[in-house]
Amino acid sequence: MALTGLVIIFLTFFAGALIVQKLPTGADHHHLAESQKVPFLGGSKPNTHAWQRYHIRYYSMTLLFIAFEMEMMFMYPWAVVYVTEGVKALAEMGMFLSILTVGILYGWREGIFRWQ
């Protein structure tokens, strides 16, 4: 299996070397047009840096989404285990939900739910 993996990796690199165009080096590099030195962006130069297009509020919204997602992801397996475990499973899910609730309340305090 390891040998097969190594062969696949080697073939991937070899195929990439055959397909990719060689970039000019040394003396040929200064002959490139200015438009060829910047990344392609729909045929025009970028007006702003890539990080300036994303607001920091998306970070907190993502964390809130993950909190809700984790809560829902564990609800079904917990319900199956609750049938056999009983009160112990109920206490564990209570602790889990209380930890997620603290994160959600923190987000609420920080104003995540106010969309402007």
N, C-alpha and C. Protein backbone atom coordinates (compact mmCIF):
# COMPACT_ATOMS: atom_id res chain seq x y z
N MET A 1 0.83 -1.17 0.00
CA MET A 1 0.00 0.00 0.00
C MET A 1 0.89 1.25 0.00
N ALA A 2 1.96 1.22 0.80
CA ALA A 2 2.87 2.37 0.84
C ALA A 2 3.54 2.57 -0.51
N LEU A 3 3.91 1.48 -1.16
CA LEU A 3 4.53 1.57 -2.48
C LEU A 3 3.57 2.18 -3.50
N THR A 4 2.32 1.79 -3.43
CA THR A 4 1.31 2.36 -4.33
C THR A 4 1.15 3.85 -4.09
N GLY A 5 1.15 4.25 -2.82
CA GLY A 5 1.06 5.67 -2.49
C GLY A 5 2.24 6.46 -3.02
N LEU A 6 3.44 5.91 -2.88
CA LEU A 6 4.63 6.59 -3.38
C LEU A 6 4.61 6.71 -4.91
N VAL A 7 4.14 5.66 -5.59
CA VAL A 7 4.05 5.70 -7.05
C VAL A 7 3.06 6.78 -7.48
N ILE A 8 1.93 6.87 -6.81
CA ILE A 8 0.93 7.88 -7.15
C ILE A 8 1.49 9.28 -6.94
N ILE A 9 2.20 9.49 -5.84
CA ILE A 9 2.81 10.79 -5.58
C ILE A 9 3.84 11.13 -6.67
N PHE A 10 4.68 10.18 -7.01
CA PHE A 10 5.69 10.40 -8.04
C PHE A 10 5.03 10.73 -9.38
N LEU A 11 4.01 9.97 -9.76
CA LEU A 11 3.33 10.23 -11.03
C LEU A 11 2.65 11.60 -11.04
N THR A 12 2.11 12.01 -9.90
CA THR A 12 1.48 13.33 -9.83
C THR A 12 2.49 14.43 -10.06
N PHE A 13 3.64 14.35 -9.40
CA PHE A 13 4.68 15.36 -9.59
C PHE A 13 5.23 15.34 -11.01
N PHE A 14 5.40 14.15 -11.55
CA PHE A 14 5.92 14.03 -12.91
C PHE A 14 4.95 14.61 -13.93
N ALA A 15 3.65 14.31 -13.78
CA ALA A 15 2.63 14.85 -14.68
C ALA A 15 2.56 16.37 -14.55
N GLY A 16 2.67 16.89 -13.33
CA GLY A 16 2.65 18.33 -13.13
C GLY A 16 3.83 19.01 -13.80
N ALA A 17 5.00 18.38 -13.75
CA ALA A 17 6.19 18.95 -14.39
C ALA A 17 6.04 18.97 -15.90
N LEU A 18 5.34 18.02 -16.46
CA LEU A 18 5.14 17.99 -17.91
C LEU A 18 4.10 19.02 -18.37
N ILE A 19 3.08 19.23 -17.54
CA ILE A 19 1.97 20.08 -17.95
C ILE A 19 2.24 21.56 -17.72
N VAL A 20 2.85 21.90 -16.59
CA VAL A 20 3.04 23.30 -16.21
C VAL A 20 4.04 23.98 -17.12
N GLN A 21 3.74 25.21 -17.50
CA GLN A 21 4.67 25.97 -18.32
C GLN A 21 5.83 26.45 -17.45
N LYS A 22 6.97 26.46 -18.03
CA LYS A 22 8.15 26.92 -17.29
C LYS A 22 8.14 28.44 -17.22
N LEU A 23 8.41 29.00 -16.03
CA LEU A 23 8.50 30.44 -15.86
C LEU A 23 9.89 30.91 -16.29
N PRO A 24 9.96 32.08 -16.89
CA PRO A 24 11.28 32.59 -17.28
C PRO A 24 12.12 32.91 -16.05
N THR A 25 13.40 32.69 -16.16
CA THR A 25 14.30 32.95 -15.04
C THR A 25 15.44 33.85 -15.51
N GLY A 26 16.13 34.43 -14.57
CA GLY A 26 17.33 35.21 -14.87
C GLY A 26 17.09 36.40 -15.75
N ALA A 27 17.79 36.47 -16.89
CA ALA A 27 17.75 37.62 -17.78
C ALA A 27 16.39 37.77 -18.44
N ASP A 28 15.67 36.65 -18.66
CA ASP A 28 14.37 36.72 -19.31
C ASP A 28 13.32 37.35 -18.41
N HIS A 29 13.55 37.37 -17.09
CA HIS A 29 12.54 37.84 -16.14
C HIS A 29 12.25 39.33 -16.30
N HIS A 30 13.25 40.16 -16.62
CA HIS A 30 13.00 41.60 -16.71
C HIS A 30 12.28 41.98 -18.00
N HIS A 31 12.13 41.06 -18.94
CA HIS A 31 11.41 41.35 -20.18
C HIS A 31 9.90 41.13 -20.06
N LEU A 32 9.45 40.59 -18.94
CA LEU A 32 8.03 40.36 -18.78
C LEU A 32 7.28 41.68 -18.67
N ALA A 33 6.10 41.72 -19.24
CA ALA A 33 5.26 42.91 -19.10
C ALA A 33 4.77 43.00 -17.66
N GLU A 34 4.44 44.21 -17.22
CA GLU A 34 3.99 44.41 -15.84
C GLU A 34 2.73 43.61 -15.54
N SER A 35 1.85 43.47 -16.53
CA SER A 35 0.60 42.74 -16.32
C SER A 35 0.85 41.25 -16.09
N GLN A 36 1.99 40.73 -16.53
CA GLN A 36 2.28 39.33 -16.33
C GLN A 36 2.88 39.05 -14.95
N LYS A 37 3.21 40.07 -14.20
CA LYS A 37 3.83 39.88 -12.89
C LYS A 37 2.81 39.84 -11.76
N VAL A 38 1.55 40.25 -12.00
CA VAL A 38 0.53 40.25 -10.96
C VAL A 38 -0.40 39.07 -11.17
N PRO A 39 -1.05 38.61 -10.11
CA PRO A 39 -1.99 37.50 -10.26
C PRO A 39 -3.17 37.89 -11.15
N PHE A 40 -3.72 36.92 -11.81
CA PHE A 40 -4.85 37.16 -12.71
C PHE A 40 -6.09 37.45 -11.88
N LEU A 41 -6.80 38.52 -12.19
CA LEU A 41 -8.02 38.88 -11.48
C LEU A 41 -9.00 39.44 -12.50
N GLY A 42 -9.57 38.60 -13.30
CA GLY A 42 -10.55 39.03 -14.27
C GLY A 42 -9.99 40.01 -15.28
N GLY A 43 -8.70 40.01 -15.50
CA GLY A 43 -8.10 40.88 -16.49
C GLY A 43 -7.72 42.25 -16.00
N SER A 44 -7.93 42.54 -14.72
CA SER A 44 -7.58 43.87 -14.22
C SER A 44 -6.77 43.75 -12.94
N LYS A 45 -6.11 44.85 -12.58
CA LYS A 45 -5.32 44.86 -11.35
C LYS A 45 -6.26 44.99 -10.15
N PRO A 46 -5.94 44.34 -9.04
CA PRO A 46 -6.79 44.48 -7.86
C PRO A 46 -6.68 45.89 -7.27
N ASN A 47 -7.82 46.43 -6.83
CA ASN A 47 -7.83 47.77 -6.23
C ASN A 47 -7.46 47.75 -4.76
N THR A 48 -7.79 46.66 -4.07
CA THR A 48 -7.53 46.56 -2.63
C THR A 48 -6.84 45.24 -2.34
N HIS A 49 -6.29 45.15 -1.16
CA HIS A 49 -5.69 43.91 -0.71
C HIS A 49 -6.81 42.92 -0.40
N ALA A 50 -6.56 41.64 -0.55
CA ALA A 50 -7.59 40.62 -0.37
C ALA A 50 -8.19 40.65 1.04
N TRP A 51 -7.40 40.94 2.06
CA TRP A 51 -7.91 40.93 3.43
C TRP A 51 -8.83 42.12 3.70
N GLN A 52 -8.77 43.16 2.91
CA GLN A 52 -9.61 44.32 3.16
C GLN A 52 -11.06 44.08 2.75
N ARG A 53 -11.33 43.05 2.00
CA ARG A 53 -12.68 42.79 1.53
C ARG A 53 -13.53 42.04 2.53
N TYR A 54 -12.96 41.50 3.58
CA TYR A 54 -13.71 40.70 4.54
C TYR A 54 -13.73 41.41 5.89
N HIS A 55 -14.92 41.60 6.40
CA HIS A 55 -15.08 42.29 7.68
C HIS A 55 -14.84 41.31 8.82
N ILE A 56 -14.34 41.80 9.93
CA ILE A 56 -14.02 40.94 11.08
C ILE A 56 -15.27 40.32 11.69
N ARG A 57 -16.45 40.90 11.48
CA ARG A 57 -17.66 40.34 12.08
C ARG A 57 -17.96 38.95 11.55
N TYR A 58 -17.47 38.59 10.38
CA TYR A 58 -17.72 37.25 9.86
C TYR A 58 -17.03 36.19 10.72
N TYR A 59 -15.95 36.55 11.37
CA TYR A 59 -15.25 35.61 12.25
C TYR A 59 -16.15 35.22 13.42
N SER A 60 -16.76 36.20 14.07
CA SER A 60 -17.63 35.90 15.21
C SER A 60 -18.90 35.18 14.76
N MET A 61 -19.42 35.53 13.59
CA MET A 61 -20.58 34.81 13.07
C MET A 61 -20.24 33.34 12.81
N THR A 62 -19.04 33.10 12.35
CA THR A 62 -18.61 31.72 12.09
C THR A 62 -18.51 30.94 13.39
N LEU A 63 -17.98 31.56 14.43
CA LEU A 63 -17.89 30.87 15.72
C LEU A 63 -19.27 30.54 16.27
N LEU A 64 -20.21 31.47 16.11
CA LEU A 64 -21.57 31.22 16.57
C LEU A 64 -22.20 30.07 15.77
N PHE A 65 -21.99 30.06 14.48
CA PHE A 65 -22.52 28.98 13.65
C PHE A 65 -21.95 27.63 14.09
N ILE A 66 -20.66 27.60 14.39
CA ILE A 66 -20.04 26.35 14.83
C ILE A 66 -20.64 25.89 16.16
N ALA A 67 -20.94 26.83 17.05
CA ALA A 67 -21.55 26.46 18.33
C ALA A 67 -22.91 25.81 18.10
N PHE A 68 -23.75 26.41 17.26
CA PHE A 68 -25.04 25.81 16.96
C PHE A 68 -24.89 24.48 16.23
N GLU A 69 -23.94 24.41 15.33
CA GLU A 69 -23.73 23.19 14.56
C GLU A 69 -23.29 22.04 15.46
N MET A 70 -22.38 22.30 16.38
CA MET A 70 -21.94 21.25 17.30
C MET A 70 -23.10 20.77 18.17
N GLU A 71 -23.92 21.71 18.57
CA GLU A 71 -25.06 21.35 19.41
C GLU A 71 -25.98 20.40 18.66
N MET A 72 -26.31 20.72 17.44
CA MET A 72 -27.23 19.88 16.67
C MET A 72 -26.58 18.56 16.24
N MET A 73 -25.27 18.58 16.01
CA MET A 73 -24.59 17.37 15.57
C MET A 73 -24.59 16.29 16.66
N PHE A 74 -24.57 16.71 17.92
CA PHE A 74 -24.52 15.74 19.01
C PHE A 74 -25.89 15.40 19.58
N MET A 75 -26.94 16.06 19.14
CA MET A 75 -28.26 15.79 19.69
C MET A 75 -28.78 14.39 19.34
N TYR A 76 -28.68 13.98 18.09
CA TYR A 76 -29.22 12.67 17.70
C TYR A 76 -28.47 11.52 18.37
N PRO A 77 -27.13 11.48 18.30
CA PRO A 77 -26.44 10.38 19.00
C PRO A 77 -26.72 10.38 20.50
N TRP A 78 -26.87 11.58 21.07
CA TRP A 78 -27.18 11.66 22.49
C TRP A 78 -28.54 11.05 22.78
N ALA A 79 -29.52 11.32 21.92
CA ALA A 79 -30.86 10.76 22.12
C ALA A 79 -30.83 9.24 22.08
N VAL A 80 -30.00 8.67 21.23
CA VAL A 80 -29.88 7.21 21.16
C VAL A 80 -29.24 6.67 22.43
N VAL A 81 -28.20 7.34 22.91
CA VAL A 81 -27.51 6.89 24.13
C VAL A 81 -28.38 7.12 25.36
N TYR A 82 -29.19 8.15 25.34
CA TYR A 82 -30.04 8.47 26.50
C TYR A 82 -30.99 7.32 26.83
N VAL A 83 -31.43 6.62 25.81
CA VAL A 83 -32.36 5.51 26.03
C VAL A 83 -31.71 4.44 26.90
N THR A 84 -30.42 4.18 26.71
CA THR A 84 -29.75 3.13 27.48
C THR A 84 -29.11 3.66 28.76
N GLU A 85 -28.57 4.88 28.74
CA GLU A 85 -27.82 5.41 29.89
C GLU A 85 -28.69 6.13 30.91
N GLY A 86 -29.71 6.80 30.47
CA GLY A 86 -30.62 7.47 31.39
C GLY A 86 -30.10 8.80 31.91
N VAL A 87 -30.14 8.98 33.24
CA VAL A 87 -29.82 10.26 33.88
C VAL A 87 -28.37 10.67 33.65
N LYS A 88 -27.46 9.72 33.58
CA LYS A 88 -26.05 10.05 33.34
C LYS A 88 -25.90 10.78 32.00
N ALA A 89 -26.55 10.27 30.96
CA ALA A 89 -26.48 10.92 29.64
C ALA A 89 -27.16 12.28 29.68
N LEU A 90 -28.23 12.41 30.45
CA LEU A 90 -28.90 13.69 30.58
C LEU A 90 -27.99 14.73 31.23
N ALA A 91 -27.24 14.34 32.25
CA ALA A 91 -26.31 15.26 32.92
C ALA A 91 -25.17 15.66 31.98
N GLU A 92 -24.65 14.71 31.23
CA GLU A 92 -23.57 15.02 30.30
C GLU A 92 -24.03 15.99 29.22
N MET A 93 -25.24 15.78 28.68
CA MET A 93 -25.74 16.70 27.66
C MET A 93 -26.03 18.06 28.28
N GLY A 94 -26.46 18.09 29.52
CA GLY A 94 -26.68 19.37 30.20
C GLY A 94 -25.39 20.16 30.32
N MET A 95 -24.29 19.48 30.67
CA MET A 95 -23.00 20.17 30.75
C MET A 95 -22.56 20.67 29.38
N PHE A 96 -22.73 19.84 28.38
CA PHE A 96 -22.35 20.22 27.02
C PHE A 96 -23.13 21.43 26.55
N LEU A 97 -24.43 21.42 26.77
CA LEU A 97 -25.27 22.54 26.34
C LEU A 97 -24.98 23.80 27.14
N SER A 98 -24.63 23.64 28.41
CA SER A 98 -24.31 24.84 29.20
C SER A 98 -23.02 25.49 28.71
N ILE A 99 -22.03 24.70 28.31
CA ILE A 99 -20.79 25.26 27.76
C ILE A 99 -21.08 26.01 26.46
N LEU A 100 -21.89 25.40 25.58
CA LEU A 100 -22.24 26.08 24.33
C LEU A 100 -23.09 27.32 24.59
N THR A 101 -23.94 27.26 25.59
CA THR A 101 -24.77 28.42 25.92
C THR A 101 -23.91 29.59 26.38
N VAL A 102 -22.86 29.33 27.11
CA VAL A 102 -21.95 30.40 27.52
C VAL A 102 -21.35 31.08 26.28
N GLY A 103 -20.96 30.29 25.29
CA GLY A 103 -20.42 30.86 24.06
C GLY A 103 -21.46 31.68 23.30
N ILE A 104 -22.68 31.19 23.26
CA ILE A 104 -23.75 31.92 22.57
C ILE A 104 -24.08 33.21 23.30
N LEU A 105 -24.14 33.16 24.63
CA LEU A 105 -24.42 34.37 25.40
C LEU A 105 -23.30 35.40 25.25
N TYR A 106 -22.07 34.94 25.17
CA TYR A 106 -20.96 35.85 24.93
C TYR A 106 -21.11 36.54 23.57
N GLY A 107 -21.47 35.75 22.57
CA GLY A 107 -21.69 36.32 21.25
C GLY A 107 -22.83 37.33 21.25
N TRP A 108 -23.87 37.02 21.99
CA TRP A 108 -25.01 37.94 22.10
C TRP A 108 -24.57 39.25 22.73
N ARG A 109 -23.76 39.15 23.79
CA ARG A 109 -23.26 40.34 24.48
C ARG A 109 -22.39 41.17 23.54
N GLU A 110 -21.64 40.50 22.67
CA GLU A 110 -20.76 41.21 21.73
C GLU A 110 -21.52 41.77 20.53
N GLY A 111 -22.80 41.45 20.41
CA GLY A 111 -23.62 42.03 19.35
C GLY A 111 -23.62 41.25 18.05
N ILE A 112 -23.42 39.96 18.11
CA ILE A 112 -23.39 39.16 16.89
C ILE A 112 -24.75 39.15 16.20
N PHE A 113 -25.82 39.18 16.96
CA PHE A 113 -27.14 39.08 16.38
C PHE A 113 -27.64 40.39 15.76
N ARG A 114 -26.93 41.47 15.97
CA ARG A 114 -27.29 42.75 15.34
C ARG A 114 -26.56 42.86 14.02
N TRP A 115 -27.29 42.72 12.96
CA TRP A 115 -26.69 42.79 11.62
C TRP A 115 -26.90 44.18 11.06
N GLN A 116 -25.82 44.84 10.67
CA GLN A 116 -25.91 46.21 10.20
C GLN A 116 -25.51 46.32 8.76
